[in-house]
Structures are given as structure tokens and as C-alpha cells.
Amino acid sequence: MSIKFIKVRFNMDNPDDRKLYEMLNGMKGQNSFIKNAITSYSGKGTEEAIAEKVATILLDKLGTMPLTLSSQPVTEEITDETSFSESADIADAFLDSL
């Protein structure tokens, strides 16, 4: 079995280094945490990958949801408060159907 060792130094005068050291020092599974952090940083957990996963999930969910189209075409301009309220109700009903 071959084991490699890497030394990490923290500058305790640097607030970021000190915070990281304190986090790691009180943590169980330090090796696993560091390995996972390096793996994520090296491209397997980048923001682009996360965004891609979120987009895929959203598209999958939206693809399985039935869309209901309003059968009430908008043919006139909204000019009074009552018409505005009715239009808002239609918009709310559409959003609730999603």
C-alpha cells in the first residue's frame, strides 16, 4: 500500500487561513473533506456543472407538467382598475397551474 503525505501551512496572522485552520482542526474526517474540496475545485463540482444539473432537473420537471393555456384571448387594452384586477387573477391562475 502506497500512501502519500502533503503538508499544509496556515498563516495564523491571515484571518482566512485562521478560519480554515479552525474549521479543519475541529472536524472529523479531515482527509475526506480536503479530498472532496480539491475534487470540487478541480472541475467536478464547478458552478457550471451545478448550473447544468439544475437546468436538467428543471427541464425534466417542466417536461412532465401539463400546460394549460387560457382560452381567453386578450383583445382589449386594460384601462381601468377592474380590468387590471381581472387580468391579475388570470395571471395568478396561470402561475398556480404550474
PDB file of N, CA and C in Angstrom:
ATOM      1  N   MET A   1       0.848  -1.175   0.000  1.00  0.00           N
ATOM      2  CA  MET A   1       0.000   0.000   0.000  1.00  0.00           C
ATOM      3  C   MET A   1       0.890   1.234   0.000  1.00  0.00           C
ATOM      4  N   SER A   2       0.550   2.163  -0.899  1.00  0.00           N
ATOM      5  CA  SER A   2       1.340   3.373  -1.027  1.00  0.00           C
ATOM      6  C   SER A   2       0.536   4.562  -0.529  1.00  0.00           C
ATOM      7  N   ILE A   3       1.095   5.284   0.418  1.00  0.00           N
ATOM      8  CA  ILE A   3       0.430   6.464   0.972  1.00  0.00           C
ATOM      9  C   ILE A   3       1.330   7.664   0.754  1.00  0.00           C
ATOM     10  N   LYS A   4       0.769   8.727   0.244  1.00  0.00           N
ATOM     11  CA  LYS A   4       1.489   9.986   0.040  1.00  0.00           C
ATOM     12  C   LYS A   4       1.038  10.975   1.090  1.00  0.00           C
ATOM     13  N   PHE A   5       1.910  11.866   1.479  1.00  0.00           N
ATOM     14  CA  PHE A   5       1.644  12.835   2.522  1.00  0.00           C
ATOM     15  C   PHE A   5       1.914  14.234   1.988  1.00  0.00           C
ATOM     16  N   ILE A   6       0.982  15.154   2.225  1.00  0.00           N
ATOM     17  CA  ILE A   6       1.159  16.551   1.825  1.00  0.00           C
ATOM     18  C   ILE A   6       1.001  17.418   3.070  1.00  0.00           C
ATOM     19  N   LYS A   7       1.924  18.337   3.247  1.00  0.00           N
ATOM     20  CA  LYS A   7       1.872  19.249   4.380  1.00  0.00           C
ATOM     21  C   LYS A   7       1.186  20.541   3.950  1.00  0.00           C
ATOM     22  N   VAL A   8       0.291  21.038   4.783  1.00  0.00           N
ATOM     23  CA  VAL A   8      -0.403  22.300   4.509  1.00  0.00           C
ATOM     24  C   VAL A   8      -0.057  23.269   5.631  1.00  0.00           C
ATOM     25  N   ARG A   9       0.288  24.481   5.249  1.00  0.00           N
ATOM     26  CA  ARG A   9       0.641  25.504   6.242  1.00  0.00           C
ATOM     27  C   ARG A   9      -0.440  26.573   6.258  1.00  0.00           C
ATOM     28  N   PHE A  10      -0.781  27.027   7.437  1.00  0.00           N
ATOM     29  CA  PHE A  10      -1.744  28.106   7.617  1.00  0.00           C
ATOM     30  C   PHE A  10      -1.058  29.262   8.309  1.00  0.00           C
ATOM     31  N   ASN A  11      -1.219  30.457   7.736  1.00  0.00           N
ATOM     32  CA  ASN A  11      -0.678  31.670   8.340  1.00  0.00           C
ATOM     33  C   ASN A  11      -1.721  32.188   9.320  1.00  0.00           C
ATOM     34  N   MET A  12      -1.466  32.036  10.607  1.00  0.00           N
ATOM     35  CA  MET A  12      -2.454  32.406  11.620  1.00  0.00           C
ATOM     36  C   MET A  12      -2.641  33.917  11.728  1.00  0.00           C
ATOM     37  N   ASP A  13      -1.795  34.710  11.056  1.00  0.00           N
ATOM     38  CA  ASP A  13      -1.988  36.159  11.008  1.00  0.00           C
ATOM     39  C   ASP A  13      -2.997  36.537   9.917  1.00  0.00           C
ATOM     40  N   ASN A  14      -3.277  35.608   9.020  1.00  0.00           N
ATOM     41  CA  ASN A  14      -4.257  35.823   7.953  1.00  0.00           C
ATOM     42  C   ASN A  14      -5.610  35.317   8.438  1.00  0.00           C
ATOM     43  N   PRO A  15      -6.633  36.190   8.506  1.00  0.00           N
ATOM     44  CA  PRO A  15      -7.943  35.772   9.028  1.00  0.00           C
ATOM     45  C   PRO A  15      -8.560  34.601   8.261  1.00  0.00           C
ATOM     46  N   ASP A  16      -8.392  34.566   6.933  1.00  0.00           N
ATOM     47  CA  ASP A  16      -8.942  33.454   6.158  1.00  0.00           C
ATOM     48  C   ASP A  16      -8.240  32.142   6.492  1.00  0.00           C
ATOM     49  N   ASP A  17      -6.926  32.178   6.579  1.00  0.00           N
ATOM     50  CA  ASP A  17      -6.170  30.973   6.948  1.00  0.00           C
ATOM     51  C   ASP A  17      -6.551  30.484   8.341  1.00  0.00           C
ATOM     52  N   ARG A  18      -6.668  31.422   9.259  1.00  0.00           N
ATOM     53  CA  ARG A  18      -7.004  31.047  10.637  1.00  0.00           C
ATOM     54  C   ARG A  18      -8.386  30.396  10.689  1.00  0.00           C
ATOM     55  N   LYS A  19      -9.340  30.963   9.954  1.00  0.00           N
ATOM     56  CA  LYS A  19     -10.702  30.412   9.926  1.00  0.00           C
ATOM     57  C   LYS A  19     -10.691  28.997   9.349  1.00  0.00           C
ATOM     58  N   LEU A  20      -9.966  28.803   8.243  1.00  0.00           N
ATOM     59  CA  LEU A  20      -9.873  27.471   7.648  1.00  0.00           C
ATOM     60  C   LEU A  20      -9.217  26.477   8.599  1.00  0.00           C
ATOM     61  N   TYR A  21      -8.151  26.910   9.253  1.00  0.00           N
ATOM     62  CA  TYR A  21      -7.472  26.030  10.193  1.00  0.00           C
ATOM     63  C   TYR A  21      -8.407  25.605  11.327  1.00  0.00           C
ATOM     64  N   GLU A  22      -9.142  26.566  11.864  1.00  0.00           N
ATOM     65  CA  GLU A  22     -10.067  26.259  12.964  1.00  0.00           C
ATOM     66  C   GLU A  22     -11.165  25.304  12.507  1.00  0.00           C
ATOM     67  N   MET A  23     -11.654  25.496  11.261  1.00  0.00           N
ATOM     68  CA  MET A  23     -12.672  24.586  10.731  1.00  0.00           C
ATOM     69  C   MET A  23     -12.124  23.167  10.615  1.00  0.00           C
ATOM     70  N   LEU A  24     -10.929  23.052  10.035  1.00  0.00           N
ATOM     71  CA  LEU A  24     -10.342  21.729   9.839  1.00  0.00           C
ATOM     72  C   LEU A  24      -9.917  21.083  11.148  1.00  0.00           C
ATOM     73  N   ASN A  25      -9.402  21.872  12.052  1.00  0.00           N
ATOM     74  CA  ASN A  25      -8.887  21.340  13.309  1.00  0.00           C
ATOM     75  C   ASN A  25      -9.991  20.685  14.138  1.00  0.00           C
ATOM     76  N   GLY A  26     -11.195  21.225  14.086  1.00  0.00           N
ATOM     77  CA  GLY A  26     -12.289  20.662  14.875  1.00  0.00           C
ATOM     78  C   GLY A  26     -13.120  19.639  14.126  1.00  0.00           C
ATOM     79  N   MET A  27     -12.696  19.249  12.955  1.00  0.00           N
ATOM     80  CA  MET A  27     -13.504  18.391  12.095  1.00  0.00           C
ATOM     81  C   MET A  27     -12.996  16.959  12.097  1.00  0.00           C
ATOM     82  N   LYS A  28     -13.948  16.031  12.139  1.00  0.00           N
ATOM     83  CA  LYS A  28     -13.594  14.629  11.922  1.00  0.00           C
ATOM     84  C   LYS A  28     -13.568  14.400  10.421  1.00  0.00           C
ATOM     85  N   GLY A  29     -12.741  13.519   9.945  1.00  0.00           N
ATOM     86  CA  GLY A  29     -12.669  13.218   8.523  1.00  0.00           C
ATOM     87  C   GLY A  29     -12.015  14.331   7.726  1.00  0.00           C
ATOM     88  N   GLN A  30     -10.951  14.888   8.267  1.00  0.00           N
ATOM     89  CA  GLN A  30     -10.261  15.993   7.590  1.00  0.00           C
ATOM     90  C   GLN A  30      -9.778  15.589   6.206  1.00  0.00           C
ATOM     91  N   ASN A  31      -9.222  14.405   6.082  1.00  0.00           N
ATOM     92  CA  ASN A  31      -8.696  13.949   4.792  1.00  0.00           C
ATOM     93  C   ASN A  31      -9.797  13.896   3.740  1.00  0.00           C
ATOM     94  N   SER A  32     -10.930  13.328   4.098  1.00  0.00           N
ATOM     95  CA  SER A  32     -12.040  13.228   3.155  1.00  0.00           C
ATOM     96  C   SER A  32     -12.535  14.615   2.757  1.00  0.00           C
ATOM     97  N   PHE A  33     -12.634  15.510   3.725  1.00  0.00           N
ATOM     98  CA  PHE A  33     -13.083  16.868   3.437  1.00  0.00           C
ATOM     99  C   PHE A  33     -12.148  17.552   2.445  1.00  0.00           C
ATOM    100  N   ILE A  34     -10.856  17.449   2.689  1.00  0.00           N
ATOM    101  CA  ILE A  34      -9.867  18.086   1.816  1.00  0.00           C
ATOM    102  C   ILE A  34      -9.898  17.457   0.424  1.00  0.00           C
ATOM    103  N   LYS A  35      -9.998  16.148   0.354  1.00  0.00           N
ATOM    104  CA  LYS A  35     -10.058  15.469  -0.948  1.00  0.00           C
ATOM    105  C   LYS A  35     -11.304  15.906  -1.725  1.00  0.00           C
ATOM    106  N   ASN A  36     -12.443  15.986  -1.045  1.00  0.00           N
ATOM    107  CA  ASN A  36     -13.685  16.413  -1.709  1.00  0.00           C
ATOM    108  C   ASN A  36     -13.588  17.862  -2.174  1.00  0.00           C
ATOM    109  N   ALA A  37     -12.961  18.710  -1.370  1.00  0.00           N
ATOM    110  CA  ALA A  37     -12.810  20.115  -1.745  1.00  0.00           C
ATOM    111  C   ALA A  37     -11.934  20.245  -2.989  1.00  0.00           C
ATOM    112  N   ILE A  38     -10.846  19.487  -3.035  1.00  0.00           N
ATOM    113  CA  ILE A  38      -9.948  19.533  -4.195  1.00  0.00           C
ATOM    114  C   ILE A  38     -10.663  19.004  -5.436  1.00  0.00           C
ATOM    115  N   THR A  39     -11.405  17.919  -5.277  1.00  0.00           N
ATOM    116  CA  THR A  39     -12.146  17.352  -6.400  1.00  0.00           C
ATOM    117  C   THR A  39     -13.157  18.363  -6.938  1.00  0.00           C
ATOM    118  N   SER A  40     -13.882  19.021  -6.053  1.00  0.00           N
ATOM    119  CA  SER A  40     -14.869  20.019  -6.479  1.00  0.00           C
ATOM    120  C   SER A  40     -14.191  21.194  -7.164  1.00  0.00           C
ATOM    121  N   TYR A  41     -13.094  21.636  -6.599  1.00  0.00           N
ATOM    122  CA  TYR A  41     -12.394  22.791  -7.154  1.00  0.00           C
ATOM    123  C   TYR A  41     -11.784  22.480  -8.517  1.00  0.00           C
ATOM    124  N   SER A  42     -11.397  21.235  -8.723  1.00  0.00           N
ATOM    125  CA  SER A  42     -10.705  20.881  -9.966  1.00  0.00           C
ATOM    126  C   SER A  42     -11.642  20.654 -11.133  1.00  0.00           C
ATOM    127  N   GLY A  43     -12.935  20.915 -10.961  1.00  0.00           N
ATOM    128  CA  GLY A  43     -13.826  20.868 -12.108  1.00  0.00           C
ATOM    129  C   GLY A  43     -14.971  19.899 -12.014  1.00  0.00           C
ATOM    130  N   LYS A  44     -14.962  19.020 -11.039  1.00  0.00           N
ATOM    131  CA  LYS A  44     -16.053  18.061 -10.953  1.00  0.00           C
ATOM    132  C   LYS A  44     -17.256  18.632 -10.206  1.00  0.00           C
ATOM    133  N   GLY A  45     -17.119  19.773  -9.605  1.00  0.00           N
ATOM    134  CA  GLY A  45     -18.228  20.389  -8.885  1.00  0.00           C
ATOM    135  C   GLY A  45     -18.278  21.879  -9.131  1.00  0.00           C
ATOM    136  N   THR A  46     -17.904  22.296 -10.330  1.00  0.00           N
ATOM    137  CA  THR A  46     -17.843  23.714 -10.638  1.00  0.00           C
ATOM    138  C   THR A  46     -19.238  24.311 -10.723  1.00  0.00           C
ATOM    139  N   GLU A  47     -19.290  25.628 -10.739  1.00  0.00           N
ATOM    140  CA  GLU A  47     -20.568  26.318 -10.848  1.00  0.00           C
ATOM    141  C   GLU A  47     -21.285  25.934 -12.140  1.00  0.00           C
ATOM    142  N   GLU A  48     -20.530  25.758 -13.216  1.00  0.00           N
ATOM    143  CA  GLU A  48     -21.132  25.385 -14.487  1.00  0.00           C
ATOM    144  C   GLU A  48     -21.797  24.012 -14.384  1.00  0.00           C
ATOM    145  N   ALA A  49     -21.132  23.077 -13.716  1.00  0.00           N
ATOM    146  CA  ALA A  49     -21.698  21.738 -13.565  1.00  0.00           C
ATOM    147  C   ALA A  49     -22.950  21.782 -12.706  1.00  0.00           C
ATOM    148  N   ILE A  50     -22.917  22.583 -11.664  1.00  0.00           N
ATOM    149  CA  ILE A  50     -24.093  22.712 -10.797  1.00  0.00           C
ATOM    150  C   ILE A  50     -25.236  23.352 -11.575  1.00  0.00           C
ATOM    151  N   ALA A  51     -24.941  24.406 -12.332  1.00  0.00           N
ATOM    152  CA  ALA A  51     -25.976  25.066 -13.137  1.00  0.00           C
ATOM    153  C   ALA A  51     -26.565  24.098 -14.157  1.00  0.00           C
ATOM    154  N   GLU A  52     -25.719  23.278 -14.753  1.00  0.00           N
ATOM    155  CA  GLU A  52     -26.190  22.295 -15.718  1.00  0.00           C
ATOM    156  C   GLU A  52     -27.127  21.278 -15.064  1.00  0.00           C
ATOM    157  N   LYS A  53     -26.784  20.835 -13.855  1.00  0.00           N
ATOM    158  CA  LYS A  53     -27.640  19.886 -13.145  1.00  0.00           C
ATOM    159  C   LYS A  53     -28.991  20.509 -12.823  1.00  0.00           C
ATOM    160  N   VAL A  54     -28.977  21.763 -12.355  1.00  0.00           N
ATOM    161  CA  VAL A  54     -30.226  22.458 -12.028  1.00  0.00           C
ATOM    162  C   VAL A  54     -31.080  22.615 -13.278  1.00  0.00           C
ATOM    163  N   ALA A  55     -30.465  23.023 -14.391  1.00  0.00           N
ATOM    164  CA  ALA A  55     -31.206  23.202 -15.633  1.00  0.00           C
ATOM    165  C   ALA A  55     -31.814  21.883 -16.095  1.00  0.00           C
ATOM    166  N   THR A  56     -31.071  20.802 -15.996  1.00  0.00           N
ATOM    167  CA  THR A  56     -31.573  19.498 -16.402  1.00  0.00           C
ATOM    168  C   THR A  56     -32.765  19.084 -15.559  1.00  0.00           C
ATOM    169  N   ILE A  57     -32.666  19.280 -14.266  1.00  0.00           N
ATOM    170  CA  ILE A  57     -33.772  18.933 -13.364  1.00  0.00           C
ATOM    171  C   ILE A  57     -35.008  19.760 -13.699  1.00  0.00           C
ATOM    172  N   LEU A  58     -34.821  21.073 -13.906  1.00  0.00           N
ATOM    173  CA  LEU A  58     -35.957  21.932 -14.243  1.00  0.00           C
ATOM    174  C   LEU A  58     -36.608  21.518 -15.552  1.00  0.00           C
ATOM    175  N   LEU A  59     -35.798  21.242 -16.559  1.00  0.00           N
ATOM    176  CA  LEU A  59     -36.363  20.826 -17.838  1.00  0.00           C
ATOM    177  C   LEU A  59     -37.108  19.507 -17.726  1.00  0.00           C
ATOM    178  N   ASP A  60     -36.574  18.581 -16.936  1.00  0.00           N
ATOM    179  CA  ASP A  60     -37.266  17.308 -16.729  1.00  0.00           C
ATOM    180  C   ASP A  60     -38.615  17.529 -16.058  1.00  0.00           C
ATOM    181  N   LYS A  61     -38.628  18.358 -15.018  1.00  0.00           N
ATOM    182  CA  LYS A  61     -39.875  18.619 -14.293  1.00  0.00           C
ATOM    183  C   LYS A  61     -40.879  19.350 -15.161  1.00  0.00           C
ATOM    184  N   LEU A  62     -40.422  20.361 -15.890  1.00  0.00           N
ATOM    185  CA  LEU A  62     -41.330  21.117 -16.748  1.00  0.00           C
ATOM    186  C   LEU A  62     -41.862  20.254 -17.883  1.00  0.00           C
ATOM    187  N   GLY A  63     -41.057  19.311 -18.340  1.00  0.00           N
ATOM    188  CA  GLY A  63     -41.489  18.439 -19.424  1.00  0.00           C
ATOM    189  C   GLY A  63     -42.599  17.489 -19.018  1.00  0.00           C
ATOM    190  N   THR A  64     -42.710  17.184 -17.731  1.00  0.00           N
ATOM    191  CA  THR A  64     -43.738  16.259 -17.264  1.00  0.00           C
ATOM    192  C   THR A  64     -44.987  16.971 -16.769  1.00  0.00           C
ATOM    193  N   MET A  65     -44.945  18.300 -16.689  1.00  0.00           N
ATOM    194  CA  MET A  65     -46.098  19.045 -16.186  1.00  0.00           C
ATOM    195  C   MET A  65     -47.023  19.416 -17.341  1.00  0.00           C
ATOM    196  N   PRO A  66     -48.323  19.201 -17.136  1.00  0.00           N
ATOM    197  CA  PRO A  66     -49.249  19.602 -18.195  1.00  0.00           C
ATOM    198  C   PRO A  66     -49.378  21.125 -18.229  1.00  0.00           C
ATOM    199  N   LEU A  67     -49.335  21.668 -19.415  1.00  0.00           N
ATOM    200  CA  LEU A  67     -49.511  23.108 -19.558  1.00  0.00           C
ATOM    201  C   LEU A  67     -50.950  23.393 -19.937  1.00  0.00           C
ATOM    202  N   THR A  68     -51.539  24.350 -19.267  1.00  0.00           N
ATOM    203  CA  THR A  68     -52.896  24.750 -19.592  1.00  0.00           C
ATOM    204  C   THR A  68     -52.857  26.145 -20.172  1.00  0.00           C
ATOM    205  N   LEU A  69     -53.398  26.283 -21.342  1.00  0.00           N
ATOM    206  CA  LEU A  69     -53.429  27.573 -21.991  1.00  0.00           C
ATOM    207  C   LEU A  69     -54.779  28.221 -21.742  1.00  0.00           C
ATOM    208  N   SER A  70     -54.760  29.489 -21.511  1.00  0.00           N
ATOM    209  CA  SER A  70     -56.000  30.222 -21.296  1.00  0.00           C
ATOM    210  C   SER A  70     -56.770  30.309 -22.605  1.00  0.00           C
ATOM    211  N   SER A  71     -58.060  30.073 -22.536  1.00  0.00           N
ATOM    212  CA  SER A  71     -58.876  30.182 -23.739  1.00  0.00           C
ATOM    213  C   SER A  71     -59.448  31.590 -23.881  1.00  0.00           C
ATOM    214  N   GLN A  72     -58.989  32.494 -23.046  1.00  0.00           N
ATOM    215  CA  GLN A  72     -59.477  33.865 -23.085  1.00  0.00           C
ATOM    216  C   GLN A  72     -58.407  34.751 -23.720  1.00  0.00           C
ATOM    217  N   PRO A  73     -58.539  35.040 -25.018  1.00  0.00           N
ATOM    218  CA  PRO A  73     -57.532  35.898 -25.646  1.00  0.00           C
ATOM    219  C   PRO A  73     -57.662  37.329 -25.148  1.00  0.00           C
ATOM    220  N   VAL A  74     -56.538  38.005 -25.075  1.00  0.00           N
ATOM    221  CA  VAL A  74     -56.540  39.401 -24.685  1.00  0.00           C
ATOM    222  C   VAL A  74     -56.780  40.214 -25.945  1.00  0.00           C
ATOM    223  N   THR A  75     -57.921  40.896 -25.968  1.00  0.00           N
ATOM    224  CA  THR A  75     -58.280  41.643 -27.180  1.00  0.00           C
ATOM    225  C   THR A  75     -58.409  43.132 -26.940  1.00  0.00           C
ATOM    226  N   GLU A  76     -58.404  43.540 -25.702  1.00  0.00           N
ATOM    227  CA  GLU A  76     -58.550  44.965 -25.438  1.00  0.00           C
ATOM    228  C   GLU A  76     -57.520  45.429 -24.430  1.00  0.00           C
ATOM    229  N   GLU A  77     -57.224  46.673 -24.484  1.00  0.00           N
ATOM    230  CA  GLU A  77     -56.240  47.254 -23.585  1.00  0.00           C
ATOM    231  C   GLU A  77     -56.852  47.429 -22.198  1.00  0.00           C
ATOM    232  N   ILE A  78     -56.060  47.170 -21.179  1.00  0.00           N
ATOM    233  CA  ILE A  78     -56.531  47.330 -19.801  1.00  0.00           C
ATOM    234  C   ILE A  78     -56.459  48.807 -19.453  1.00  0.00           C
ATOM    235  N   THR A  79     -57.620  49.364 -19.148  1.00  0.00           N
ATOM    236  CA  THR A  79     -57.643  50.801 -18.870  1.00  0.00           C
ATOM    237  C   THR A  79     -58.189  51.147 -17.507  1.00  0.00           C
ATOM    238  N   ASP A  80     -58.931  50.251 -16.879  1.00  0.00           N
ATOM    239  CA  ASP A  80     -59.478  50.594 -15.560  1.00  0.00           C
ATOM    240  C   ASP A  80     -59.010  49.586 -14.518  1.00  0.00           C
ATOM    241  N   GLU A  81     -59.240  49.905 -13.269  1.00  0.00           N
ATOM    242  CA  GLU A  81     -58.777  49.088 -12.148  1.00  0.00           C
ATOM    243  C   GLU A  81     -59.437  47.715 -12.147  1.00  0.00           C
ATOM    244  N   THR A  82     -60.711  47.620 -12.538  1.00  0.00           N
ATOM    245  CA  THR A  82     -61.414  46.338 -12.546  1.00  0.00           C
ATOM    246  C   THR A  82     -60.781  45.395 -13.567  1.00  0.00           C
ATOM    247  N   SER A  83     -60.521  45.892 -14.758  1.00  0.00           N
ATOM    248  CA  SER A  83     -59.899  45.061 -15.789  1.00  0.00           C
ATOM    249  C   SER A  83     -58.507  44.610 -15.352  1.00  0.00           C
ATOM    250  N   PHE A  84     -57.785  45.514 -14.712  1.00  0.00           N
ATOM    251  CA  PHE A  84     -56.457  45.162 -14.212  1.00  0.00           C
ATOM    252  C   PHE A  84     -56.557  44.041 -13.193  1.00  0.00           C
ATOM    253  N   SER A  85     -57.520  44.126 -12.293  1.00  0.00           N
ATOM    254  CA  SER A  85     -57.713  43.107 -11.265  1.00  0.00           C
ATOM    255  C   SER A  85     -58.051  41.762 -11.899  1.00  0.00           C
ATOM    256  N   GLU A  86     -58.930  41.763 -12.901  1.00  0.00           N
ATOM    257  CA  GLU A  86     -59.292  40.529 -13.591  1.00  0.00           C
ATOM    258  C   GLU A  86     -58.081  39.921 -14.288  1.00  0.00           C
ATOM    259  N   SER A  87     -57.288  40.750 -14.924  1.00  0.00           N
ATOM    260  CA  SER A  87     -56.085  40.257 -15.598  1.00  0.00           C
ATOM    261  C   SER A  87     -55.097  39.669 -14.592  1.00  0.00           C
ATOM    262  N   ALA A  88     -54.982  40.299 -13.446  1.00  0.00           N
ATOM    263  CA  ALA A  88     -54.094  39.786 -12.402  1.00  0.00           C
ATOM    264  C   ALA A  88     -54.580  38.427 -11.916  1.00  0.00           C
ATOM    265  N   ASP A  89     -55.907  38.261 -11.803  1.00  0.00           N
ATOM    266  CA  ASP A  89     -56.465  36.972 -11.386  1.00  0.00           C
ATOM    267  C   ASP A  89     -56.159  35.885 -12.420  1.00  0.00           C
ATOM    268  N   ILE A  90     -56.255  36.228 -13.693  1.00  0.00           N
ATOM    269  CA  ILE A  90     -55.946  35.269 -14.755  1.00  0.00           C
ATOM    270  C   ILE A  90     -54.470  34.874 -14.689  1.00  0.00           C
ATOM    271  N   ALA A  91     -53.618  35.864 -14.491  1.00  0.00           N
ATOM    272  CA  ALA A  91     -52.183  35.583 -14.391  1.00  0.00           C
ATOM    273  C   ALA A  91     -51.883  34.705 -13.181  1.00  0.00           C
ATOM    274  N   ASP A  92     -52.525  34.999 -12.041  1.00  0.00           N
ATOM    275  CA  ASP A  92     -52.324  34.184 -10.838  1.00  0.00           C
ATOM    276  C   ASP A  92     -52.786  32.757 -11.068  1.00  0.00           C
ATOM    277  N   ALA A  93     -53.941  32.576 -11.729  1.00  0.00           N
ATOM    278  CA  ALA A  93     -54.449  31.236 -12.008  1.00  0.00           C
ATOM    279  C   ALA A  93     -53.474  30.477 -12.900  1.00  0.00           C
ATOM    280  N   PHE A  94     -52.904  31.158 -13.897  1.00  0.00           N
ATOM    281  CA  PHE A  94     -51.930  30.500 -14.768  1.00  0.00           C
ATOM    282  C   PHE A  94     -50.712  30.057 -13.978  1.00  0.00           C
ATOM    283  N   LEU A  95     -50.174  30.949 -13.135  1.00  0.00           N
ATOM    284  CA  LEU A  95     -48.995  30.591 -12.349  1.00  0.00           C
ATOM    285  C   LEU A  95     -49.286  29.474 -11.365  1.00  0.00           C
ATOM    286  N   ASP A  96     -50.482  29.463 -10.793  1.00  0.00           N
ATOM    287  CA  ASP A  96     -50.848  28.395  -9.867  1.00  0.00           C
ATOM    288  C   ASP A  96     -50.938  27.056 -10.573  1.00  0.00           C
ATOM    289  N   SER A  97     -51.279  27.068 -11.865  1.00  0.00           N
ATOM    290  CA  SER A  97     -51.402  25.807 -12.598  1.00  0.00           C
ATOM    291  C   SER A  97     -50.042  25.167 -12.880  1.00  0.00           C
ATOM    292  N   LEU A  98     -48.967  25.946 -12.750  1.00  0.00           N
ATOM    293  CA  LEU A  98     -47.635  25.390 -12.989  1.00  0.00           C
ATOM    294  C   LEU A  98     -47.225  24.653 -11.798  1.00  0.00           C
TER     295      LEU A  98
END
